[in-house]
N, C-alpha and C. Protein backbone atom coordinates (compact mmCIF):
# COMPACT_ATOMS: atom_id res chain seq x y z
N MET A 1 2.44 33.50 -5.82
CA MET A 1 2.32 32.08 -6.13
C MET A 1 1.96 31.33 -4.86
N VAL A 2 1.09 30.36 -5.02
CA VAL A 2 0.64 29.53 -3.90
C VAL A 2 1.36 28.18 -3.97
N ASN A 3 1.62 27.61 -2.79
CA ASN A 3 2.33 26.33 -2.72
C ASN A 3 1.40 25.20 -2.31
N CYS A 4 1.77 24.00 -2.73
CA CYS A 4 1.05 22.79 -2.35
C CYS A 4 1.19 22.58 -0.84
N PRO A 5 0.07 22.36 -0.14
CA PRO A 5 0.16 22.13 1.31
C PRO A 5 0.76 20.77 1.67
N VAL A 6 0.88 19.88 0.69
CA VAL A 6 1.41 18.54 0.95
C VAL A 6 2.92 18.50 0.75
N CYS A 7 3.39 18.99 -0.43
CA CYS A 7 4.82 18.88 -0.74
C CYS A 7 5.52 20.23 -0.82
N ASP A 8 4.78 21.32 -0.70
CA ASP A 8 5.31 22.69 -0.70
C ASP A 8 5.84 23.14 -2.06
N ALA A 9 5.51 22.42 -3.12
CA ALA A 9 5.92 22.83 -4.47
C ALA A 9 5.04 24.00 -4.92
N GLY A 10 5.62 24.86 -5.73
CA GLY A 10 4.85 25.96 -6.29
C GLY A 10 3.80 25.43 -7.26
N LEU A 11 2.57 25.92 -7.13
CA LEU A 11 1.47 25.47 -7.99
C LEU A 11 1.28 26.45 -9.14
N ASP A 12 1.28 25.93 -10.35
CA ASP A 12 1.12 26.75 -11.55
C ASP A 12 -0.37 26.87 -11.87
N ILE A 13 -1.04 27.76 -11.12
CA ILE A 13 -2.48 27.95 -11.31
C ILE A 13 -2.77 29.44 -11.42
N ASP A 14 -3.85 29.77 -12.12
CA ASP A 14 -4.27 31.16 -12.26
C ASP A 14 -5.16 31.48 -11.06
N GLU A 15 -4.60 32.15 -10.08
CA GLU A 15 -5.30 32.41 -8.83
C GLU A 15 -6.57 33.21 -9.03
N ASP A 16 -6.64 34.06 -10.06
CA ASP A 16 -7.81 34.89 -10.30
C ASP A 16 -9.01 34.09 -10.79
N GLU A 17 -8.77 32.90 -11.35
CA GLU A 17 -9.86 32.10 -11.90
C GLU A 17 -10.34 31.00 -10.96
N LEU A 18 -9.79 30.97 -9.75
CA LEU A 18 -10.18 29.93 -8.78
C LEU A 18 -11.41 30.36 -8.00
N ASP A 19 -12.27 29.41 -7.73
CA ASP A 19 -13.43 29.62 -6.87
C ASP A 19 -13.35 28.66 -5.70
N GLU A 20 -13.98 29.04 -4.60
CA GLU A 20 -13.99 28.17 -3.43
C GLU A 20 -14.62 26.83 -3.80
N GLY A 21 -13.96 25.74 -3.41
CA GLY A 21 -14.44 24.39 -3.70
C GLY A 21 -13.83 23.78 -4.95
N ASP A 22 -13.14 24.59 -5.77
CA ASP A 22 -12.48 24.04 -6.96
C ASP A 22 -11.45 23.01 -6.53
N GLU A 23 -11.34 21.94 -7.30
CA GLU A 23 -10.36 20.89 -7.00
C GLU A 23 -9.41 20.72 -8.17
N PHE A 24 -8.17 20.38 -7.85
CA PHE A 24 -7.14 20.14 -8.87
C PHE A 24 -6.07 19.27 -8.25
N THR A 25 -5.11 18.85 -9.07
CA THR A 25 -4.06 17.95 -8.63
C THR A 25 -2.71 18.66 -8.68
N CYS A 26 -1.88 18.42 -7.66
CA CYS A 26 -0.52 18.95 -7.64
C CYS A 26 0.30 18.17 -8.67
N ASP A 27 0.97 18.89 -9.57
CA ASP A 27 1.79 18.24 -10.59
C ASP A 27 3.00 17.53 -9.99
N GLU A 28 3.48 18.00 -8.86
CA GLU A 28 4.69 17.42 -8.25
C GLU A 28 4.41 16.13 -7.48
N CYS A 29 3.44 16.17 -6.56
CA CYS A 29 3.23 15.00 -5.69
C CYS A 29 1.94 14.23 -6.00
N GLY A 30 1.09 14.79 -6.85
CA GLY A 30 -0.14 14.10 -7.23
C GLY A 30 -1.26 14.22 -6.23
N ALA A 31 -1.09 15.06 -5.20
CA ALA A 31 -2.13 15.21 -4.18
C ALA A 31 -3.35 15.91 -4.76
N GLU A 32 -4.52 15.44 -4.36
CA GLU A 32 -5.77 16.10 -4.73
C GLU A 32 -5.94 17.29 -3.79
N LEU A 33 -6.09 18.48 -4.38
CA LEU A 33 -6.18 19.70 -3.59
C LEU A 33 -7.49 20.41 -3.87
N ALA A 34 -7.90 21.25 -2.91
CA ALA A 34 -9.14 22.01 -3.06
C ALA A 34 -8.91 23.43 -2.56
N VAL A 35 -9.66 24.37 -3.14
CA VAL A 35 -9.61 25.76 -2.72
C VAL A 35 -10.52 25.90 -1.51
N ALA A 36 -9.92 26.22 -0.35
CA ALA A 36 -10.69 26.38 0.88
C ALA A 36 -11.24 27.80 0.98
N SER A 37 -10.50 28.77 0.44
CA SER A 37 -10.90 30.16 0.52
C SER A 37 -10.23 30.92 -0.61
N THR A 38 -10.90 31.94 -1.12
CA THR A 38 -10.30 32.74 -2.20
C THR A 38 -9.75 34.06 -1.70
N ASP A 39 -10.17 34.53 -0.53
CA ASP A 39 -9.68 35.81 -0.01
C ASP A 39 -9.49 35.73 1.48
N PRO A 40 -8.31 35.41 1.96
CA PRO A 40 -7.10 35.12 1.19
C PRO A 40 -7.17 33.72 0.58
N LEU A 41 -6.36 33.51 -0.45
CA LEU A 41 -6.34 32.22 -1.13
C LEU A 41 -5.74 31.16 -0.22
N GLU A 42 -6.53 30.12 0.04
CA GLU A 42 -6.07 29.00 0.86
C GLU A 42 -6.34 27.70 0.12
N ILE A 43 -5.30 26.89 0.01
CA ILE A 43 -5.39 25.59 -0.64
C ILE A 43 -5.18 24.52 0.43
N GLU A 44 -6.00 23.47 0.38
CA GLU A 44 -5.86 22.38 1.34
C GLU A 44 -6.05 21.05 0.63
N PRO A 45 -5.57 19.97 1.24
CA PRO A 45 -5.82 18.65 0.65
C PRO A 45 -7.32 18.43 0.55
N ALA A 46 -7.77 17.91 -0.58
CA ALA A 46 -9.20 17.68 -0.79
C ALA A 46 -9.68 16.57 0.14
N ALA A 47 -10.85 16.78 0.70
CA ALA A 47 -11.48 15.74 1.53
C ALA A 47 -12.16 14.78 0.59
N ASP A 48 -11.34 14.08 -0.20
CA ASP A 48 -11.81 13.25 -1.31
C ASP A 48 -12.34 11.92 -0.82
N GLY A 49 -13.25 11.98 0.18
CA GLY A 49 -13.83 10.72 0.65
C GLY A 49 -12.96 9.99 1.62
N ASP A 50 -11.99 10.66 2.22
CA ASP A 50 -11.13 9.97 3.17
C ASP A 50 -11.96 9.37 4.30
N GLU A 51 -12.95 10.12 4.77
CA GLU A 51 -13.79 9.60 5.83
C GLU A 51 -14.58 8.40 5.34
N ASP A 52 -15.02 8.46 4.09
CA ASP A 52 -15.77 7.35 3.52
C ASP A 52 -14.92 6.10 3.44
N ASP A 53 -13.61 6.27 3.18
CA ASP A 53 -12.74 5.12 3.10
C ASP A 53 -12.74 4.35 4.41
N GLU A 54 -12.75 5.10 5.53
CA GLU A 54 -12.77 4.43 6.82
C GLU A 54 -14.05 3.63 6.97
N ASP A 55 -15.18 4.24 6.56
CA ASP A 55 -16.44 3.54 6.64
C ASP A 55 -16.43 2.31 5.74
N ASP A 56 -15.84 2.43 4.55
CA ASP A 56 -15.76 1.31 3.64
C ASP A 56 -14.95 0.18 4.25
N ASP A 57 -13.87 0.55 4.98
CA ASP A 57 -13.07 -0.48 5.62
C ASP A 57 -13.91 -1.25 6.63
N ASP A 58 -14.75 -0.53 7.38
CA ASP A 58 -15.61 -1.19 8.35
C ASP A 58 -16.56 -2.15 7.65
N LEU A 59 -17.12 -1.71 6.52
CA LEU A 59 -18.03 -2.58 5.78
C LEU A 59 -17.30 -3.81 5.28
N ASP A 60 -16.09 -3.62 4.79
CA ASP A 60 -15.32 -4.75 4.29
C ASP A 60 -15.09 -5.77 5.40
N GLU A 61 -14.77 -5.27 6.59
CA GLU A 61 -14.55 -6.19 7.71
C GLU A 61 -15.82 -6.95 8.03
N ASP A 62 -16.96 -6.24 8.01
CA ASP A 62 -18.23 -6.90 8.29
C ASP A 62 -18.52 -7.95 7.23
N GLU A 63 -18.26 -7.61 5.96
CA GLU A 63 -18.49 -8.57 4.89
C GLU A 63 -17.60 -9.79 5.05
N GLU A 64 -16.34 -9.57 5.47
CA GLU A 64 -15.43 -10.70 5.68
C GLU A 64 -15.95 -11.59 6.80
N GLU A 65 -16.48 -10.97 7.87
CA GLU A 65 -17.02 -11.76 8.97
C GLU A 65 -18.20 -12.58 8.50
N ASP A 66 -19.08 -11.98 7.67
CA ASP A 66 -20.22 -12.71 7.13
C ASP A 66 -19.77 -13.89 6.29
N GLU A 67 -18.74 -13.67 5.46
CA GLU A 67 -18.22 -14.76 4.62
C GLU A 67 -17.65 -15.86 5.48
N ASP A 68 -16.93 -15.49 6.55
CA ASP A 68 -16.36 -16.49 7.45
C ASP A 68 -17.48 -17.32 8.10
N GLU A 69 -18.56 -16.63 8.52
CA GLU A 69 -19.67 -17.35 9.14
C GLU A 69 -20.31 -18.31 8.15
N GLU A 70 -20.47 -17.87 6.89
CA GLU A 70 -21.06 -18.73 5.88
C GLU A 70 -20.19 -19.96 5.64
N LEU A 71 -18.87 -19.78 5.60
CA LEU A 71 -17.97 -20.90 5.40
C LEU A 71 -18.06 -21.89 6.56
N GLU A 72 -18.15 -21.36 7.78
CA GLU A 72 -18.26 -22.23 8.94
C GLU A 72 -19.55 -23.04 8.89
N GLU A 73 -20.66 -22.37 8.45
CA GLU A 73 -21.93 -23.07 8.36
C GLU A 73 -21.85 -24.19 7.31
N GLU A 74 -21.20 -23.90 6.18
CA GLU A 74 -21.05 -24.92 5.14
C GLU A 74 -20.22 -26.09 5.65
N GLU A 75 -19.18 -25.81 6.41
CA GLU A 75 -18.34 -26.87 6.96
C GLU A 75 -19.15 -27.72 7.94
N ASP A 76 -19.99 -27.04 8.75
CA ASP A 76 -20.82 -27.78 9.70
C ASP A 76 -21.79 -28.70 8.96
N GLU A 77 -22.36 -28.20 7.86
CA GLU A 77 -23.29 -29.02 7.08
C GLU A 77 -22.56 -30.22 6.48
N ASP A 78 -21.34 -30.02 6.02
CA ASP A 78 -20.55 -31.12 5.46
C ASP A 78 -20.28 -32.17 6.53
N GLU A 79 -19.97 -31.74 7.73
CA GLU A 79 -19.69 -32.66 8.82
C GLU A 79 -20.96 -33.45 9.16
N ASP A 80 -22.12 -32.77 9.14
CA ASP A 80 -23.38 -33.46 9.42
C ASP A 80 -23.64 -34.55 8.38
N GLU A 81 -23.34 -34.27 7.12
CA GLU A 81 -23.55 -35.25 6.06
C GLU A 81 -22.62 -36.44 6.24
N ASP A 82 -21.41 -36.19 6.74
CA ASP A 82 -20.46 -37.28 6.95
C ASP A 82 -20.98 -38.24 8.02
N TRP A 83 -21.75 -37.76 8.97
CA TRP A 83 -22.27 -38.60 10.03
C TRP A 83 -23.35 -39.55 9.51
N LYS A 84 -24.00 -39.17 8.44
CA LYS A 84 -25.15 -39.96 7.94
C LYS A 84 -24.72 -41.21 7.27
């Protein structure tokens, strides 16, 4: 029996039917897991876009900065109109 690399719970899977790259979820902790190797059988947390999440965070920050700049420009325009 193979154990979850995240919570160490026994995984109820048919080891003979697994192929490298197969993904499944741990019933105990809900972690997304992937088969790293079949001989010997190695299970690891799935690289389920974790790196992409970091990139997405960067994009979100950039988008927030753009929104802040747009708001500042609108405020400047409002102030200009008040002068008229």
